[in-house]
C-alpha atoms as a PDB file:
ATOM      1  CA  MET A   1      15.532  14.858  17.177  1.00  0.00           C
ATOM      2  CA  SER A   2      16.370  18.041  19.055  1.00  0.00           C
ATOM      3  CA  PRO A   3      13.693  19.924  20.982  1.00  0.00           C
ATOM      4  CA  GLY A   4      11.990  22.795  19.226  1.00  0.00           C
ATOM      5  CA  ARG A   5      10.701  22.869  15.691  1.00  0.00           C
ATOM      6  CA  ALA A   6      11.466  19.830  13.556  1.00  0.00           C
ATOM      7  CA  PRO A   7      13.103  20.486  10.192  1.00  0.00           C
ATOM      8  CA  TYR A   8      11.286  19.493   7.023  1.00  0.00           C
ATOM      9  CA  TYR A   9      13.003  17.481   4.291  1.00  0.00           C
ATOM     10  CA  THR A  10      11.918  16.908   0.714  1.00  0.00           C
ATOM     11  CA  PRO A  11      12.077  13.420  -0.832  1.00  0.00           C
ATOM     12  CA  ARG A  12      14.926  14.708  -3.008  1.00  0.00           C
ATOM     13  CA  GLU A  13      16.948  15.685   0.085  1.00  0.00           C
ATOM     14  CA  VAL A  14      16.362  12.264   1.644  1.00  0.00           C
ATOM     15  CA  ALA A  15      17.422  10.575  -1.616  1.00  0.00           C
ATOM     16  CA  ARG A  16      20.887  12.175  -1.339  1.00  0.00           C
ATOM     17  CA  HIS A  17      21.600  10.003   1.716  1.00  0.00           C
ATOM     18  CA  CYS A  18      21.639   6.665  -0.091  1.00  0.00           C
ATOM     19  CA  THR A  19      24.781   4.806   0.987  1.00  0.00           C
ATOM     20  CA  ALA A  20      25.656   2.499   3.877  1.00  0.00           C
ATOM     21  CA  THR A  21      27.816   5.263   5.384  1.00  0.00           C
ATOM     22  CA  ASP A  22      25.102   7.922   5.013  1.00  0.00           C
ATOM     23  CA  LEU A  23      21.772   6.106   5.305  1.00  0.00           C
ATOM     24  CA  TRP A  24      18.498   8.000   5.590  1.00  0.00           C
ATOM     25  CA  VAL A  25      15.016   6.602   5.053  1.00  0.00           C
ATOM     26  CA  SER A  26      11.552   8.045   5.416  1.00  0.00           C
ATOM     27  CA  TYR A  27       8.437   6.296   6.597  1.00  0.00           C
ATOM     28  CA  LEU A  28       5.002   7.375   7.718  1.00  0.00           C
ATOM     29  CA  GLY A  29       5.793  11.067   7.235  1.00  0.00           C
ATOM     30  CA  ARG A  30       9.057  11.156   9.207  1.00  0.00           C
ATOM     31  CA  VAL A  31      12.730  11.116   8.196  1.00  0.00           C
ATOM     32  CA  TYR A  32      15.224   8.868   9.989  1.00  0.00           C
ATOM     33  CA  ASP A  33      19.029   8.760   9.924  1.00  0.00           C
ATOM     34  CA  LEU A  34      19.908   5.066  10.246  1.00  0.00           C
ATOM     35  CA  THR A  35      23.659   5.583   9.745  1.00  0.00           C
ATOM     36  CA  PRO A  36      24.483   4.730  13.409  1.00  0.00           C
ATOM     37  CA  LEU A  37      22.397   1.550  13.096  1.00  0.00           C
ATOM     38  CA  ALA A  38      24.271   0.581   9.916  1.00  0.00           C
ATOM     39  CA  LYS A  39      27.641   1.178  11.617  1.00  0.00           C
ATOM     40  CA  GLU A  40      26.619  -0.852  14.659  1.00  0.00           C
ATOM     41  CA  HIS A  41      25.499  -3.834  12.549  1.00  0.00           C
ATOM     42  CA  ARG A  42      28.089  -3.551   9.748  1.00  0.00           C
ATOM     43  CA  GLY A  43      28.412  -6.839   7.857  1.00  0.00           C
ATOM     44  CA  ASP A  44      25.105  -8.255   9.125  1.00  0.00           C
ATOM     45  CA  ILE A  45      23.091  -9.881   6.329  1.00  0.00           C
ATOM     46  CA  LEU A  46      19.865  -8.570   7.926  1.00  0.00           C
ATOM     47  CA  LEU A  47      21.005  -5.017   7.155  1.00  0.00           C
ATOM     48  CA  LYS A  48      20.860  -5.637   3.383  1.00  0.00           C
ATOM     49  CA  PRO A  49      17.159  -4.685   2.826  1.00  0.00           C
ATOM     50  CA  ILE A  50      17.676  -1.473   4.815  1.00  0.00           C
ATOM     51  CA  ILE A  51      20.782  -0.518   2.808  1.00  0.00           C
ATOM     52  CA  GLU A  52      18.917  -1.246  -0.445  1.00  0.00           C
ATOM     53  CA  ALA A  53      16.141   1.107   0.712  1.00  0.00           C
ATOM     54  CA  ALA A  54      18.561   3.928   1.626  1.00  0.00           C
ATOM     55  CA  GLY A  55      17.309   7.316   0.473  1.00  0.00           C
ATOM     56  CA  LYS A  56      13.795   6.008  -0.181  1.00  0.00           C
ATOM     57  CA  ASP A  57      10.406   5.967   1.480  1.00  0.00           C
ATOM     58  CA  ILE A  58       9.675   2.638   3.205  1.00  0.00           C
ATOM     59  CA  SER A  59       6.161   3.410   4.445  1.00  0.00           C
ATOM     60  CA  HIS A  60       4.894   0.314   2.625  1.00  0.00           C
ATOM     61  CA  TRP A  61       6.796  -1.804   5.208  1.00  0.00           C
ATOM     62  CA  PHE A  62       4.612  -0.440   8.041  1.00  0.00           C
ATOM     63  CA  ASN A  63       1.001  -0.494   9.203  1.00  0.00           C
ATOM     64  CA  GLU A  64      -0.175   3.142   9.286  1.00  0.00           C
ATOM     65  CA  LYS A  65      -2.372   2.703  12.366  1.00  0.00           C
ATOM     66  CA  THR A  66       0.014   0.757  14.609  1.00  0.00           C
ATOM     67  CA  ARG A  67       3.312   2.093  13.173  1.00  0.00           C
ATOM     68  CA  GLU A  68       4.599  -1.496  13.361  1.00  0.00           C
ATOM     69  CA  ILE A  69       5.894  -3.794  10.633  1.00  0.00           C
ATOM     70  CA  LYS A  70       3.025  -5.180   8.542  1.00  0.00           C
ATOM     71  CA  THR A  71       1.860  -8.688   9.403  1.00  0.00           C
ATOM     72  CA  HIS A  72      -0.106 -11.418   7.640  1.00  0.00           C
ATOM     73  CA  ILE A  73      -1.513 -14.859   8.367  1.00  0.00           C
ATOM     74  CA  ASP A  74       0.608 -17.633   6.835  1.00  0.00           C
ATOM     75  CA  PRO A  75      -1.791 -19.816   4.797  1.00  0.00           C
ATOM     76  CA  GLN A  76       0.172 -23.007   5.526  1.00  0.00           C
ATOM     77  CA  THR A  77       0.588 -22.669   9.287  1.00  0.00           C
ATOM     78  CA  GLY A  78      -2.193 -20.235  10.182  1.00  0.00           C
ATOM     79  CA  CYS A  79       0.329 -18.252  12.268  1.00  0.00           C
ATOM     80  CA  LEU A  80       0.724 -14.471  12.333  1.00  0.00           C
ATOM     81  CA  LYS A  81       4.005 -13.515  10.628  1.00  0.00           C
ATOM     82  CA  TYR A  82       5.773 -10.323   9.661  1.00  0.00           C
ATOM     83  CA  TYR A  83       5.212  -9.376   6.034  1.00  0.00           C
ATOM     84  CA  THR A  84       8.673  -8.693   4.612  1.00  0.00           C
ATOM     85  CA  PRO A  85       8.696  -9.392   0.838  1.00  0.00           C
ATOM     86  CA  GLN A  86      11.962  -7.409   0.533  1.00  0.00           C
ATOM     87  CA  GLY A  87      13.590  -9.912   2.922  1.00  0.00           C
ATOM     88  CA  ARG A  88      13.843 -10.137   6.680  1.00  0.00           C
ATOM     89  CA  PHE A  89      15.705  -7.189   8.211  1.00  0.00           C
ATOM     90  CA  LEU A  90      17.150  -6.124  11.566  1.00  0.00           C
ATOM     91  CA  HIS A  91      15.026  -6.743  14.675  1.00  0.00           C
ATOM     92  CA  VAL A  92      12.377  -8.746  12.780  1.00  0.00           C
ATOM     93  CA  PRO A  93      12.079 -12.261  14.232  1.00  0.00           C
ATOM     94  CA  PRO A  94      12.482 -15.317  12.000  1.00  0.00           C
ATOM     95  CA  SER A  95       9.405 -16.806  10.335  1.00  0.00           C
ATOM     96  CA  PHE A  96       9.584 -20.001  12.338  1.00  0.00           C
ATOM     97  CA  PRO A  97      10.662 -20.657  15.929  1.00  0.00           C
ATOM     98  CA  CYS A  98      14.412 -20.774  16.231  1.00  0.00           C
ATOM     99  CA  SER A  99      16.703 -21.099  19.239  1.00  0.00           C
ATOM    100  CA  ASP A 100      19.612 -19.016  17.938  1.00  0.00           C
ATOM    101  CA  TRP A 101      17.703 -15.729  17.498  1.00  0.00           C
ATOM    102  CA  ASP A 102      18.702 -13.208  20.162  1.00  0.00           C
ATOM    103  CA  THR A 103      15.833 -11.057  21.452  1.00  0.00           C
ATOM    104  CA  ASP A 104      18.089  -9.017  23.730  1.00  0.00           C
ATOM    105  CA  PHE A 105      18.538  -6.037  21.386  1.00  0.00           C
ATOM    106  CA  GLY A 106      16.355  -3.556  23.287  1.00  0.00           C
ATOM    107  CA  ARG A 107      13.949  -1.407  21.329  1.00  0.00           C
ATOM    108  CA  PRO A 108      13.536  -2.159  17.582  1.00  0.00           C
ATOM    109  CA  TRP A 109      15.002   0.549  15.359  1.00  0.00           C
ATOM    110  CA  TRP A 110      11.598   1.618  13.979  1.00  0.00           C
ATOM    111  CA  ARG A 111      10.427   2.460  17.525  1.00  0.00           C
ATOM    112  CA  ASP A 112      13.616   4.316  18.497  1.00  0.00           C
ATOM    113  CA  SER A 113      12.976   8.068  18.234  1.00  0.00           C
ATOM    114  CA  SER A 114      16.695   8.866  18.508  1.00  0.00           C
ATOM    115  CA  TYR A 115      17.053   8.097  14.777  1.00  0.00           C
ATOM    116  CA  GLU A 116      14.394  10.663  13.807  1.00  0.00           C
ATOM    117  CA  VAL A 117      15.831  13.793  12.185  1.00  0.00           C
ATOM    118  CA  GLY A 118      12.763  15.557  10.826  1.00  0.00           C
ATOM    119  CA  ILE A 119       9.485  15.531   8.955  1.00  0.00           C
ATOM    120  CA  LEU A 120       9.011  14.532   5.320  1.00  0.00           C
ATOM    121  CA  SER A 121       7.450  17.270   3.179  1.00  0.00           C
ATOM    122  CA  SER A 122       4.287  15.786   1.766  1.00  0.00           C
ATOM    123  CA  LYS A 123       3.353  18.176  -1.047  1.00  0.00           C
ATOM    124  CA  THR A 124       6.529  19.439  -2.646  1.00  0.00           C
ATOM    125  CA  ARG A 125       6.418  21.647  -5.720  1.00  0.00           C
ATOM    126  CA  THR A 126       9.069  22.587  -8.228  1.00  0.00           C
ATOM    127  CA  ILE A 127       9.234  26.292  -8.986  1.00  0.00           C
ATOM    128  CA  ARG A 128      11.323  28.159 -11.512  1.00  0.00           C
ATOM    129  CA  ILE A 129      12.636  31.629 -10.754  1.00  0.00           C
ATOM    130  CA  ILE A 130      13.774  33.725 -13.697  1.00  0.00           C
ATOM    131  CA  ASN A 131      15.684  36.963 -13.371  1.00  0.00           C
ATOM    132  CA  THR A 132      14.339  38.823 -16.383  1.00  0.00           C
ATOM    133  CA  LEU A 133      17.110  41.410 -16.199  1.00  0.00           C
ATOM    134  CA  THR A 134      19.987  38.909 -16.514  1.00  0.00           C
ATOM    135  CA  SER A 135      18.048  35.912 -17.942  1.00  0.00           C
ATOM    136  CA  GLN A 136      19.349  33.711 -15.146  1.00  0.00           C
ATOM    137  CA  GLU A 137      17.114  30.838 -14.163  1.00  0.00           C
ATOM    138  CA  HIS A 138      16.977  28.758 -10.970  1.00  0.00           C
ATOM    139  CA  THR A 139      14.781  25.782 -10.171  1.00  0.00           C
ATOM    140  CA  LEU A 140      13.822  25.091  -6.561  1.00  0.00           C
ATOM    141  CA  GLN A 141      11.813  22.394  -4.875  1.00  0.00           C
ATOM    142  CA  VAL A 142       9.661  23.754  -2.049  1.00  0.00           C
END
């Protein structure tokens, strides 16, 4: 995000960016453009849950206090695991130890501030403006 004042986006504006070639998501009150991430990992099966969530709010994937992916204790093993009911996605380690998982990817995408493009408007309202002289009507979301 550029220095200065961050732009605000409505959920409707975020929803317009809902394809793999134009992929925006919002979480925990911020808006992120994950298009470069999708281009970098094109064809990766772990990108599927992110593409399916394009244009939507994914705050339910994250712990509000830590801003990390939610975790839970596996009842069978008693181990702490990432809670990903939508399916495992990029930079989330496998459920069980595995030797072919590469941890050399740097910072996980949800911690990388370079993807942040603005702030999500929290209390949007729809207003209707009517020009009584010409009877023209416009609806805006503010």
